[in-house]
Amino acid sequence: MILLMRYFWLVFILTTCLNALSLWWRARRHIAADPSLKAGYRKLFWGVLIIGNIPWLVMGFGCVVGGVPSIMHFFRPRDGNPFVIAFFASVFAMWILGTYWLFARGGAEMLLRHPGMLNVDLKSPTLVKLLWCLCLMSGIAGVIGMFVMDVPIPPLK
């Protein structure tokens, strides 16, 4: 159980990698139909793969270096552990960069030009942005909950 709690962040990395591969797999038929989309899909693939793994790498660093005994401690940012705070800072940075990319850098339009990148069939950049905002608000509510709630950490056996 100790190993599972200490290295569960590897499951998150594997899941993010599989998600990126799934996106690339879905993109293949769209690239076959319109080869000009390949460069955009490649950027999106690498973005998901690299940016999407940053929080998990930060989490893993905290667990491996020893500052965080298990991933359960990430549910208690209120304790002020610097590795846990660094994890949340990386998540906030992703949210800020994602918002900037979607709203100011044409990210919503790029997602719509590259079918299969979203699991929902949206036709408008405004709807993409609204969906992002809804997801962002849910994430913020979850983080606030973790800071406010006194989540008990089960003992490692």
C-alpha atoms as a PDB file:
ATOM      1  CA  MET A   1       0.000   0.000   0.000  1.00  0.00           C
ATOM      2  CA  ILE A   2       2.876   2.367   0.785  1.00  0.00           C
ATOM      3  CA  LEU A   3       4.323   1.956  -2.715  1.00  0.00           C
ATOM      4  CA  LEU A   4       0.923   2.537  -4.294  1.00  0.00           C
ATOM      5  CA  MET A   5       0.345   5.740  -2.328  1.00  0.00           C
ATOM      6  CA  ARG A   6       3.889   6.977  -2.963  1.00  0.00           C
ATOM      7  CA  TYR A   7       3.955   6.255  -6.707  1.00  0.00           C
ATOM      8  CA  PHE A   8       0.336   6.661  -7.792  1.00  0.00           C
ATOM      9  CA  TRP A   9       1.357   9.811  -9.672  1.00  0.00           C
ATOM     10  CA  LEU A  10       2.850   7.441 -12.269  1.00  0.00           C
ATOM     11  CA  VAL A  11      -0.708   6.285 -13.034  1.00  0.00           C
ATOM     12  CA  PHE A  12      -1.638   9.907 -13.736  1.00  0.00           C
ATOM     13  CA  ILE A  13       1.336  10.257 -16.097  1.00  0.00           C
ATOM     14  CA  LEU A  14       0.412   7.033 -17.879  1.00  0.00           C
ATOM     15  CA  THR A  15      -3.205   8.184 -18.190  1.00  0.00           C
ATOM     16  CA  THR A  16      -2.137  11.542 -19.650  1.00  0.00           C
ATOM     17  CA  CYS A  17       0.143   9.772 -22.151  1.00  0.00           C
ATOM     18  CA  LEU A  18      -2.638   7.379 -23.154  1.00  0.00           C
ATOM     19  CA  ASN A  19      -5.010  10.330 -23.556  1.00  0.00           C
ATOM     20  CA  ALA A  20      -2.514  12.093 -25.851  1.00  0.00           C
ATOM     21  CA  LEU A  21      -2.092   8.903 -27.898  1.00  0.00           C
ATOM     22  CA  SER A  22      -5.858   8.521 -28.106  1.00  0.00           C
ATOM     23  CA  LEU A  23      -6.141  12.080 -29.414  1.00  0.00           C
ATOM     24  CA  TRP A  24      -3.473  11.353 -32.030  1.00  0.00           C
ATOM     25  CA  TRP A  25      -5.227   8.111 -32.994  1.00  0.00           C
ATOM     26  CA  ARG A  26      -8.513   9.967 -33.529  1.00  0.00           C
ATOM     27  CA  ALA A  27      -6.678  12.664 -35.498  1.00  0.00           C
ATOM     28  CA  ARG A  28      -5.233  10.201 -38.022  1.00  0.00           C
ATOM     29  CA  ARG A  29      -8.377   9.965 -40.142  1.00  0.00           C
ATOM     30  CA  HIS A  30      -8.775  13.745 -40.151  1.00  0.00           C
ATOM     31  CA  ILE A  31      -5.145  14.135 -41.223  1.00  0.00           C
ATOM     32  CA  ALA A  32      -5.710  11.564 -43.981  1.00  0.00           C
ATOM     33  CA  ALA A  33      -8.663  13.624 -45.222  1.00  0.00           C
ATOM     34  CA  ASP A  34      -6.803  16.951 -44.911  1.00  0.00           C
ATOM     35  CA  PRO A  35      -3.000  16.672 -44.555  1.00  0.00           C
ATOM     36  CA  SER A  36      -2.729  20.414 -43.844  1.00  0.00           C
ATOM     37  CA  LEU A  37      -4.089  19.690 -40.350  1.00  0.00           C
ATOM     38  CA  LYS A  38      -1.104  17.531 -39.372  1.00  0.00           C
ATOM     39  CA  ALA A  39       1.043  20.364 -37.951  1.00  0.00           C
ATOM     40  CA  GLY A  40      -1.839  21.594 -35.780  1.00  0.00           C
ATOM     41  CA  TYR A  41      -2.615  18.123 -34.475  1.00  0.00           C
ATOM     42  CA  ARG A  42       1.083  17.647 -33.738  1.00  0.00           C
ATOM     43  CA  LYS A  43       1.142  20.867 -31.657  1.00  0.00           C
ATOM     44  CA  LEU A  44      -1.989  19.837 -29.782  1.00  0.00           C
ATOM     45  CA  PHE A  45      -0.609  16.323 -29.165  1.00  0.00           C
ATOM     46  CA  TRP A  46       2.669  17.635 -27.715  1.00  0.00           C
ATOM     47  CA  GLY A  47       0.813  20.255 -25.715  1.00  0.00           C
ATOM     48  CA  VAL A  48      -1.384  17.632 -24.069  1.00  0.00           C
ATOM     49  CA  LEU A  49       1.575  15.326 -23.509  1.00  0.00           C
ATOM     50  CA  ILE A  50       4.001  17.887 -22.065  1.00  0.00           C
ATOM     51  CA  ILE A  51       1.788  20.493 -20.411  1.00  0.00           C
ATOM     52  CA  GLY A  52      -0.643  17.857 -19.180  1.00  0.00           C
ATOM     53  CA  ASN A  53       2.104  15.994 -17.317  1.00  0.00           C
ATOM     54  CA  ILE A  54       3.678  18.963 -15.532  1.00  0.00           C
ATOM     55  CA  PRO A  55       1.504  18.725 -12.378  1.00  0.00           C
ATOM     56  CA  TRP A  56       2.075  14.972 -12.155  1.00  0.00           C
ATOM     57  CA  LEU A  57       5.829  15.436 -12.475  1.00  0.00           C
ATOM     58  CA  VAL A  58       5.715  18.046  -9.710  1.00  0.00           C
ATOM     59  CA  MET A  59       3.646  15.640  -7.610  1.00  0.00           C
ATOM     60  CA  GLY A  60       6.071  12.801  -8.322  1.00  0.00           C
ATOM     61  CA  PHE A  61       9.058  14.952  -7.409  1.00  0.00           C
ATOM     62  CA  GLY A  62       7.449  15.727  -4.059  1.00  0.00           C
ATOM     63  CA  CYS A  63       6.736  12.065  -3.393  1.00  0.00           C
ATOM     64  CA  VAL A  64      10.111  10.714  -4.546  1.00  0.00           C
ATOM     65  CA  VAL A  65      12.280  13.370  -2.903  1.00  0.00           C
ATOM     66  CA  GLY A  66      10.453  12.651   0.321  1.00  0.00           C
ATOM     67  CA  GLY A  67       8.684  15.881   1.074  1.00  0.00           C
ATOM     68  CA  VAL A  68       5.305  14.209   0.651  1.00  0.00           C
ATOM     69  CA  PRO A  69       4.789  10.746   2.186  1.00  0.00           C
ATOM     70  CA  SER A  70       1.831   9.855  -0.063  1.00  0.00           C
ATOM     71  CA  ILE A  71      -0.446  11.372  -2.678  1.00  0.00           C
ATOM     72  CA  MET A  72      -3.121  11.677   0.004  1.00  0.00           C
ATOM     73  CA  HIS A  73      -1.232  14.722   1.329  1.00  0.00           C
ATOM     74  CA  PHE A  74      -2.142  16.572  -1.869  1.00  0.00           C
ATOM     75  CA  PHE A  75      -5.721  16.648  -0.565  1.00  0.00           C
ATOM     76  CA  ARG A  76      -4.459  18.803   2.327  1.00  0.00           C
ATOM     77  CA  PRO A  77      -2.883  21.923   0.807  1.00  0.00           C
ATOM     78  CA  ARG A  78      -3.907  23.767   3.966  1.00  0.00           C
ATOM     79  CA  ASP A  79      -0.954  22.115   5.762  1.00  0.00           C
ATOM     80  CA  GLY A  80       1.417  24.285   3.712  1.00  0.00           C
ATOM     81  CA  ASN A  81       3.757  21.528   2.511  1.00  0.00           C
ATOM     82  CA  PRO A  82       5.928  23.292  -0.100  1.00  0.00           C
ATOM     83  CA  PHE A  83       5.756  20.344  -2.513  1.00  0.00           C
ATOM     84  CA  VAL A  84       1.966  20.305  -2.311  1.00  0.00           C
ATOM     85  CA  ILE A  85       1.858  24.079  -2.797  1.00  0.00           C
ATOM     86  CA  ALA A  86       4.190  23.697  -5.820  1.00  0.00           C
ATOM     87  CA  PHE A  87       1.780  21.131  -7.261  1.00  0.00           C
ATOM     88  CA  PHE A  88      -1.154  23.526  -6.902  1.00  0.00           C
ATOM     89  CA  ALA A  89       0.933  26.362  -8.334  1.00  0.00           C
ATOM     90  CA  SER A  90       1.598  24.202 -11.417  1.00  0.00           C
ATOM     91  CA  VAL A  91      -2.121  23.502 -11.768  1.00  0.00           C
ATOM     92  CA  PHE A  92      -2.946  27.208 -11.436  1.00  0.00           C
ATOM     93  CA  ALA A  93      -0.277  28.029 -14.020  1.00  0.00           C
ATOM     94  CA  MET A  94      -1.843  25.510 -16.418  1.00  0.00           C
ATOM     95  CA  TRP A  95      -5.254  27.058 -15.868  1.00  0.00           C
ATOM     96  CA  ILE A  96      -3.922  30.557 -16.515  1.00  0.00           C
ATOM     97  CA  LEU A  97      -2.002  29.501 -19.617  1.00  0.00           C
ATOM     98  CA  GLY A  98      -4.964  27.490 -20.895  1.00  0.00           C
ATOM     99  CA  THR A  99      -7.293  30.436 -20.418  1.00  0.00           C
ATOM    100  CA  TYR A 100      -4.865  32.782 -22.150  1.00  0.00           C
ATOM    101  CA  TRP A 101      -4.407  30.336 -25.040  1.00  0.00           C
ATOM    102  CA  LEU A 102      -8.156  29.793 -25.499  1.00  0.00           C
ATOM    103  CA  PHE A 103      -9.215  33.433 -25.197  1.00  0.00           C
ATOM    104  CA  ALA A 104      -6.274  35.464 -26.530  1.00  0.00           C
ATOM    105  CA  ARG A 105      -4.278  33.133 -28.765  1.00  0.00           C
ATOM    106  CA  GLY A 106      -7.038  31.493 -30.817  1.00  0.00           C
ATOM    107  CA  GLY A 107      -7.004  28.185 -28.974  1.00  0.00           C
ATOM    108  CA  ALA A 108     -10.769  27.707 -29.128  1.00  0.00           C
ATOM    109  CA  GLU A 109     -10.733  28.235 -32.888  1.00  0.00           C
ATOM    110  CA  MET A 110      -7.786  25.857 -33.244  1.00  0.00           C
ATOM    111  CA  LEU A 111      -9.630  23.137 -31.343  1.00  0.00           C
ATOM    112  CA  LEU A 112     -12.626  23.555 -33.623  1.00  0.00           C
ATOM    113  CA  ARG A 113     -10.404  23.363 -36.735  1.00  0.00           C
ATOM    114  CA  HIS A 114      -9.038  20.051 -35.465  1.00  0.00           C
ATOM    115  CA  PRO A 115     -11.975  17.639 -35.030  1.00  0.00           C
ATOM    116  CA  GLY A 116     -11.629  14.902 -32.439  1.00  0.00           C
ATOM    117  CA  MET A 117      -9.709  17.012 -29.931  1.00  0.00           C
ATOM    118  CA  LEU A 118     -12.845  17.621 -27.885  1.00  0.00           C
ATOM    119  CA  ASN A 119     -15.150  14.836 -26.723  1.00  0.00           C
ATOM    120  CA  VAL A 120     -18.146  17.014 -27.466  1.00  0.00           C
ATOM    121  CA  ASP A 121     -19.269  18.309 -30.833  1.00  0.00           C
ATOM    122  CA  LEU A 122     -19.123  22.072 -30.419  1.00  0.00           C
ATOM    123  CA  LYS A 123     -19.478  24.409 -33.386  1.00  0.00           C
ATOM    124  CA  SER A 124     -18.697  27.760 -31.811  1.00  0.00           C
ATOM    125  CA  PRO A 125     -15.548  29.140 -30.171  1.00  0.00           C
ATOM    126  CA  THR A 126     -17.840  30.812 -27.645  1.00  0.00           C
ATOM    127  CA  LEU A 127     -19.188  27.414 -26.574  1.00  0.00           C
ATOM    128  CA  VAL A 128     -15.625  26.069 -26.234  1.00  0.00           C
ATOM    129  CA  LYS A 129     -14.764  29.025 -24.026  1.00  0.00           C
ATOM    130  CA  LEU A 130     -17.932  28.602 -21.951  1.00  0.00           C
ATOM    131  CA  LEU A 131     -17.166  24.898 -21.463  1.00  0.00           C
ATOM    132  CA  TRP A 132     -13.622  25.827 -20.391  1.00  0.00           C
ATOM    133  CA  CYS A 133     -14.996  28.349 -17.900  1.00  0.00           C
ATOM    134  CA  LEU A 134     -17.417  25.782 -16.483  1.00  0.00           C
ATOM    135  CA  CYS A 135     -14.611  23.245 -16.064  1.00  0.00           C
ATOM    136  CA  LEU A 136     -12.369  25.922 -14.585  1.00  0.00           C
ATOM    137  CA  MET A 137     -15.014  26.948 -12.058  1.00  0.00           C
ATOM    138  CA  SER A 138     -15.447  23.294 -11.069  1.00  0.00           C
ATOM    139  CA  GLY A 139     -11.697  22.943 -10.590  1.00  0.00           C
ATOM    140  CA  ILE A 140     -11.522  26.114  -8.525  1.00  0.00           C
ATOM    141  CA  ALA A 141     -14.401  24.892  -6.355  1.00  0.00           C
ATOM    142  CA  GLY A 142     -12.561  21.603  -5.820  1.00  0.00           C
ATOM    143  CA  VAL A 143      -9.344  23.363  -4.841  1.00  0.00           C
ATOM    144  CA  ILE A 144     -11.199  25.667  -2.454  1.00  0.00           C
ATOM    145  CA  GLY A 145     -12.801  22.591  -0.933  1.00  0.00           C
ATOM    146  CA  MET A 146      -9.400  20.995  -0.389  1.00  0.00           C
ATOM    147  CA  PHE A 147      -8.076  24.147   1.282  1.00  0.00           C
ATOM    148  CA  VAL A 148     -11.130  24.490   3.509  1.00  0.00           C
ATOM    149  CA  MET A 149     -11.905  20.872   4.414  1.00  0.00           C
ATOM    150  CA  ASP A 150      -9.897  18.984   6.993  1.00  0.00           C
ATOM    151  CA  VAL A 151      -9.328  15.841   4.915  1.00  0.00           C
ATOM    152  CA  PRO A 152      -8.069  13.002   7.128  1.00  0.00           C
ATOM    153  CA  ILE A 153      -5.004  11.146   5.853  1.00  0.00           C
ATOM    154  CA  PRO A 154      -5.192   7.420   6.482  1.00  0.00           C
ATOM    155  CA  PRO A 155      -2.070   5.906   8.051  1.00  0.00           C
ATOM    156  CA  LEU A 156       0.248   4.090   5.642  1.00  0.00           C
ATOM    157  CA  LYS A 157       0.552   0.380   6.363  1.00  0.00           C
END
